[in-house]
Amino acid sequence: MIEIKETTIKDIDNIKRLWADGDVMRFVGFPDGLNQTSEEMKNWFRRIESNRPVLNHYSIFEDGNYCGESFYEIDAEHQSAALDIKLFGFARGRGIATAGLSYAIKEAFQNGAEIVWVDPNPENMKAIALYERLGFQQKDFPEYLISKDEEQTSIYMELSKS
């Protein structure tokens, strides 16, 4: 059984382990994983906790085993929410990502987003296929998301509430 719950301080060690996994983090630019200290993780969690429900993070479990995370952050000015999902390799291809991302989408829409978006690495074909199955469509990056200092290396996909 898949369980998705709002992340608590008790989940920090699981998230730290997830982020340290190079296989999990390779498509977001950390092929050797992102190794955070306990203090850095606590600071990250305090930011999440103090900004709910504009941003939120969920821990995903299957039969009590930690599988990964989903996340959203709402930009109130543009009524849009960035989404993310990460799963350990053992949890992929079994519907867990669909459940975890669908949950984050529903929560983002309930908390003020009119559009949710993702920006997958174009080489992450499995993620792109997941987003397409959920109804996301590839579009041009909105101007407000384009940084003049950064080269665009991902693609933009969005899903509208309506």
C-alpha atoms as a PDB file:
ATOM      1  CA  MET A   1       0.000   0.000   0.000  1.00  0.00           C
ATOM      2  CA  ILE A   2       1.272   3.447  -0.973  1.00  0.00           C
ATOM      3  CA  GLU A   3       1.173   6.132   1.708  1.00  0.00           C
ATOM      4  CA  ILE A   4       1.944   9.795   1.008  1.00  0.00           C
ATOM      5  CA  LYS A   5       2.283  12.071   3.997  1.00  0.00           C
ATOM      6  CA  GLU A   6       3.400  15.575   4.762  1.00  0.00           C
ATOM      7  CA  THR A   7       7.100  15.391   5.638  1.00  0.00           C
ATOM      8  CA  THR A   8       8.013  15.774   9.304  1.00  0.00           C
ATOM      9  CA  ILE A   9      11.334  16.226  11.058  1.00  0.00           C
ATOM     10  CA  LYS A  10      11.368  12.435  11.577  1.00  0.00           C
ATOM     11  CA  ASP A  11      11.689  11.967   7.798  1.00  0.00           C
ATOM     12  CA  ILE A  12      14.906  13.987   7.447  1.00  0.00           C
ATOM     13  CA  ASP A  13      17.280  11.003   7.527  1.00  0.00           C
ATOM     14  CA  ASN A  14      15.298   9.316   4.737  1.00  0.00           C
ATOM     15  CA  ILE A  15      15.447  12.454   2.594  1.00  0.00           C
ATOM     16  CA  LYS A  16      19.137  12.915   3.302  1.00  0.00           C
ATOM     17  CA  ARG A  17      19.733   9.329   2.108  1.00  0.00           C
ATOM     18  CA  LEU A  18      17.582   9.911  -0.998  1.00  0.00           C
ATOM     19  CA  TRP A  19      19.477  13.056  -1.962  1.00  0.00           C
ATOM     20  CA  ALA A  20      22.844  11.360  -1.412  1.00  0.00           C
ATOM     21  CA  ASP A  21      21.974   8.702  -4.020  1.00  0.00           C
ATOM     22  CA  GLY A  22      23.666   9.554  -7.330  1.00  0.00           C
ATOM     23  CA  ASP A  23      21.155   7.498  -9.312  1.00  0.00           C
ATOM     24  CA  VAL A  24      18.306   9.561  -7.827  1.00  0.00           C
ATOM     25  CA  MET A  25      20.044  12.900  -8.320  1.00  0.00           C
ATOM     26  CA  ARG A  26      21.837  12.483 -11.672  1.00  0.00           C
ATOM     27  CA  PHE A  27      19.183  14.215 -13.766  1.00  0.00           C
ATOM     28  CA  VAL A  28      19.185  17.257 -11.461  1.00  0.00           C
ATOM     29  CA  GLY A  29      22.920  17.775 -11.791  1.00  0.00           C
ATOM     30  CA  PHE A  30      24.315  15.721  -8.900  1.00  0.00           C
ATOM     31  CA  PRO A  31      25.535  12.412 -10.391  1.00  0.00           C
ATOM     32  CA  ASP A  32      27.434  11.688  -7.166  1.00  0.00           C
ATOM     33  CA  GLY A  33      24.444  12.626  -5.014  1.00  0.00           C
ATOM     34  CA  LEU A  34      23.902  15.718  -2.912  1.00  0.00           C
ATOM     35  CA  ASN A  35      25.447  15.153   0.484  1.00  0.00           C
ATOM     36  CA  GLN A  36      23.941  17.447   3.094  1.00  0.00           C
ATOM     37  CA  THR A  37      24.858  17.787   6.741  1.00  0.00           C
ATOM     38  CA  SER A  38      22.237  17.190   9.397  1.00  0.00           C
ATOM     39  CA  GLU A  39      22.228  20.923  10.119  1.00  0.00           C
ATOM     40  CA  GLU A  40      21.649  21.773   6.443  1.00  0.00           C
ATOM     41  CA  MET A  41      18.751  19.305   6.373  1.00  0.00           C
ATOM     42  CA  LYS A  42      17.218  20.827   9.501  1.00  0.00           C
ATOM     43  CA  ASN A  43      17.486  24.319   7.970  1.00  0.00           C
ATOM     44  CA  TRP A  44      15.855  23.049   4.771  1.00  0.00           C
ATOM     45  CA  PHE A  45      13.026  21.480   6.773  1.00  0.00           C
ATOM     46  CA  ARG A  46      12.464  24.680   8.785  1.00  0.00           C
ATOM     47  CA  ARG A  47      12.019  26.565   5.477  1.00  0.00           C
ATOM     48  CA  ILE A  48       9.407  24.019   4.347  1.00  0.00           C
ATOM     49  CA  GLU A  49       7.598  24.044   7.672  1.00  0.00           C
ATOM     50  CA  SER A  50       7.478  27.834   7.962  1.00  0.00           C
ATOM     51  CA  ASN A  51       6.127  28.341   4.419  1.00  0.00           C
ATOM     52  CA  ARG A  52       3.350  25.749   4.317  1.00  0.00           C
ATOM     53  CA  PRO A  53       0.974  25.670   2.438  1.00  0.00           C
ATOM     54  CA  VAL A  54       2.685  27.852  -0.212  1.00  0.00           C
ATOM     55  CA  LEU A  55       5.290  25.137  -0.452  1.00  0.00           C
ATOM     56  CA  ASN A  56       5.137  21.613   0.807  1.00  0.00           C
ATOM     57  CA  HIS A  57       7.071  18.388   0.792  1.00  0.00           C
ATOM     58  CA  TYR A  58       5.719  14.855   1.007  1.00  0.00           C
ATOM     59  CA  SER A  59       7.354  11.584   1.964  1.00  0.00           C
ATOM     60  CA  ILE A  60       6.237   8.553  -0.001  1.00  0.00           C
ATOM     61  CA  PHE A  61       6.125   5.061   1.498  1.00  0.00           C
ATOM     62  CA  GLU A  62       5.109   1.665   0.215  1.00  0.00           C
ATOM     63  CA  ASP A  63       4.238  -0.934   2.837  1.00  0.00           C
ATOM     64  CA  GLY A  64       6.110   1.179   5.397  1.00  0.00           C
ATOM     65  CA  ASN A  65       9.304   1.464   3.303  1.00  0.00           C
ATOM     66  CA  TYR A  66      10.493   4.946   2.361  1.00  0.00           C
ATOM     67  CA  CYS A  67      10.469   5.287  -1.449  1.00  0.00           C
ATOM     68  CA  GLY A  68      11.010   8.976  -2.118  1.00  0.00           C
ATOM     69  CA  GLU A  69       9.559  12.462  -2.126  1.00  0.00           C
ATOM     70  CA  SER A  70       7.253  14.830  -3.938  1.00  0.00           C
ATOM     71  CA  PHE A  71       7.196  18.597  -3.573  1.00  0.00           C
ATOM     72  CA  TYR A  72       5.519  21.765  -4.777  1.00  0.00           C
ATOM     73  CA  GLU A  73       6.230  25.473  -4.406  1.00  0.00           C
ATOM     74  CA  ILE A  74       3.609  28.026  -5.411  1.00  0.00           C
ATOM     75  CA  ASP A  75       4.532  31.334  -7.018  1.00  0.00           C
ATOM     76  CA  ALA A  76       1.523  33.402  -5.887  1.00  0.00           C
ATOM     77  CA  GLU A  77       2.187  36.214  -8.361  1.00  0.00           C
ATOM     78  CA  HIS A  78       1.872  33.829 -11.320  1.00  0.00           C
ATOM     79  CA  GLN A  79      -0.487  31.334  -9.641  1.00  0.00           C
ATOM     80  CA  SER A  80       1.848  28.568 -10.729  1.00  0.00           C
ATOM     81  CA  ALA A  81       3.590  25.823  -8.814  1.00  0.00           C
ATOM     82  CA  ALA A  82       6.882  24.104  -9.510  1.00  0.00           C
ATOM     83  CA  LEU A  83       6.691  20.366  -8.845  1.00  0.00           C
ATOM     84  CA  ASP A  84       9.299  17.724  -8.214  1.00  0.00           C
ATOM     85  CA  ILE A  85       9.428  14.028  -7.480  1.00  0.00           C
ATOM     86  CA  LYS A  86      12.342  11.739  -6.691  1.00  0.00           C
ATOM     87  CA  LEU A  87      12.263   8.012  -6.035  1.00  0.00           C
ATOM     88  CA  PHE A  88      14.847   5.407  -5.211  1.00  0.00           C
ATOM     89  CA  GLY A  89      15.488   2.999  -8.087  1.00  0.00           C
ATOM     90  CA  PHE A  90      13.677   0.110  -6.384  1.00  0.00           C
ATOM     91  CA  ALA A  91      10.449   2.163  -6.294  1.00  0.00           C
ATOM     92  CA  ARG A  92      10.318   3.112  -9.965  1.00  0.00           C
ATOM     93  CA  GLY A  93       8.007   1.643 -12.569  1.00  0.00           C
ATOM     94  CA  ARG A  94       5.331   0.529 -10.123  1.00  0.00           C
ATOM     95  CA  GLY A  95       2.893   3.458  -9.999  1.00  0.00           C
ATOM     96  CA  ILE A  96       4.481   5.083  -6.958  1.00  0.00           C
ATOM     97  CA  ALA A  97       5.625   8.171  -8.902  1.00  0.00           C
ATOM     98  CA  THR A  98       2.145   8.589 -10.386  1.00  0.00           C
ATOM     99  CA  ALA A  99       0.599   8.475  -6.905  1.00  0.00           C
ATOM    100  CA  GLY A 100       3.194  10.790  -5.351  1.00  0.00           C
ATOM    101  CA  LEU A 101       3.083  13.408  -8.078  1.00  0.00           C
ATOM    102  CA  SER A 102      -0.713  13.289  -8.373  1.00  0.00           C
ATOM    103  CA  TYR A 103      -0.922  13.990  -4.646  1.00  0.00           C
ATOM    104  CA  ALA A 104       1.386  17.029  -4.918  1.00  0.00           C
ATOM    105  CA  ILE A 105      -0.595  18.311  -7.924  1.00  0.00           C
ATOM    106  CA  LYS A 106      -3.889  18.051  -6.041  1.00  0.00           C
ATOM    107  CA  GLU A 107      -2.436  19.857  -3.017  1.00  0.00           C
ATOM    108  CA  ALA A 108      -0.883  22.634  -5.135  1.00  0.00           C
ATOM    109  CA  PHE A 109      -4.213  23.244  -6.880  1.00  0.00           C
ATOM    110  CA  GLN A 110      -6.078  23.264  -3.546  1.00  0.00           C
ATOM    111  CA  ASN A 111      -3.642  25.842  -2.191  1.00  0.00           C
ATOM    112  CA  GLY A 112      -3.879  28.423  -4.966  1.00  0.00           C
ATOM    113  CA  ALA A 113      -2.029  27.226  -8.059  1.00  0.00           C
ATOM    114  CA  GLU A 114      -3.847  27.439 -11.391  1.00  0.00           C
ATOM    115  CA  ILE A 115      -0.945  25.844 -13.276  1.00  0.00           C
ATOM    116  CA  VAL A 116       1.623  23.283 -12.143  1.00  0.00           C
ATOM    117  CA  TRP A 117       4.867  22.781 -14.015  1.00  0.00           C
ATOM    118  CA  VAL A 118       7.938  20.581 -14.188  1.00  0.00           C
ATOM    119  CA  ASP A 119      11.263  21.068 -15.946  1.00  0.00           C
ATOM    120  CA  PRO A 120      12.745  17.646 -16.601  1.00  0.00           C
ATOM    121  CA  ASN A 121      16.122  16.969 -18.101  1.00  0.00           C
ATOM    122  CA  PRO A 122      15.438  16.114 -21.774  1.00  0.00           C
ATOM    123  CA  GLU A 123      17.371  12.855 -21.320  1.00  0.00           C
ATOM    124  CA  ASN A 124      15.053  11.690 -18.513  1.00  0.00           C
ATOM    125  CA  MET A 125      12.623   9.921 -20.819  1.00  0.00           C
ATOM    126  CA  LYS A 126      10.877   8.006 -18.026  1.00  0.00           C
ATOM    127  CA  ALA A 127      10.044  11.233 -16.177  1.00  0.00           C
ATOM    128  CA  ILE A 128       8.817  12.879 -19.382  1.00  0.00           C
ATOM    129  CA  ALA A 129       6.599   9.849 -20.091  1.00  0.00           C
ATOM    130  CA  LEU A 130       5.180  10.075 -16.537  1.00  0.00           C
ATOM    131  CA  TYR A 131       4.383  13.771 -16.959  1.00  0.00           C
ATOM    132  CA  GLU A 132       2.732  13.146 -20.329  1.00  0.00           C
ATOM    133  CA  ARG A 133       0.584  10.340 -18.831  1.00  0.00           C
ATOM    134  CA  LEU A 134      -0.577  12.817 -16.182  1.00  0.00           C
ATOM    135  CA  GLY A 135      -1.577  15.338 -18.855  1.00  0.00           C
ATOM    136  CA  PHE A 136       1.403  17.719 -18.859  1.00  0.00           C
ATOM    137  CA  GLN A 137       2.148  19.433 -22.159  1.00  0.00           C
ATOM    138  CA  GLN A 138       5.496  20.736 -23.340  1.00  0.00           C
ATOM    139  CA  LYS A 139       5.539  24.497 -23.903  1.00  0.00           C
ATOM    140  CA  ASP A 140       8.046  27.327 -24.066  1.00  0.00           C
ATOM    141  CA  PHE A 141       9.426  28.452 -20.723  1.00  0.00           C
ATOM    142  CA  PRO A 142       7.475  31.477 -19.436  1.00  0.00           C
ATOM    143  CA  GLU A 143       9.561  34.651 -19.430  1.00  0.00           C
ATOM    144  CA  TYR A 144       9.451  34.945 -15.631  1.00  0.00           C
ATOM    145  CA  LEU A 145      11.250  31.596 -15.286  1.00  0.00           C
ATOM    146  CA  ILE A 146      14.073  32.348 -17.715  1.00  0.00           C
ATOM    147  CA  SER A 147      17.321  33.471 -16.133  1.00  0.00           C
ATOM    148  CA  LYS A 148      19.570  35.624 -18.275  1.00  0.00           C
ATOM    149  CA  ASP A 149      22.612  34.099 -16.545  1.00  0.00           C
ATOM    150  CA  GLU A 150      21.764  30.437 -17.082  1.00  0.00           C
ATOM    151  CA  GLU A 151      21.765  28.267 -20.145  1.00  0.00           C
ATOM    152  CA  GLN A 152      18.440  26.431 -20.503  1.00  0.00           C
ATOM    153  CA  THR A 153      19.152  22.713 -20.172  1.00  0.00           C
ATOM    154  CA  SER A 154      15.704  21.407 -19.255  1.00  0.00           C
ATOM    155  CA  ILE A 155      12.321  21.398 -20.919  1.00  0.00           C
ATOM    156  CA  TYR A 156       9.178  23.027 -19.576  1.00  0.00           C
ATOM    157  CA  MET A 157       5.926  21.111 -19.190  1.00  0.00           C
ATOM    158  CA  GLU A 158       2.739  22.349 -17.563  1.00  0.00           C
ATOM    159  CA  LEU A 159      -0.674  21.174 -16.501  1.00  0.00           C
ATOM    160  CA  SER A 160      -3.584  23.547 -16.006  1.00  0.00           C
ATOM    161  CA  LYS A 161      -6.137  23.248 -13.207  1.00  0.00           C
ATOM    162  CA  SER A 162      -8.926  23.807 -15.717  1.00  0.00           C
END
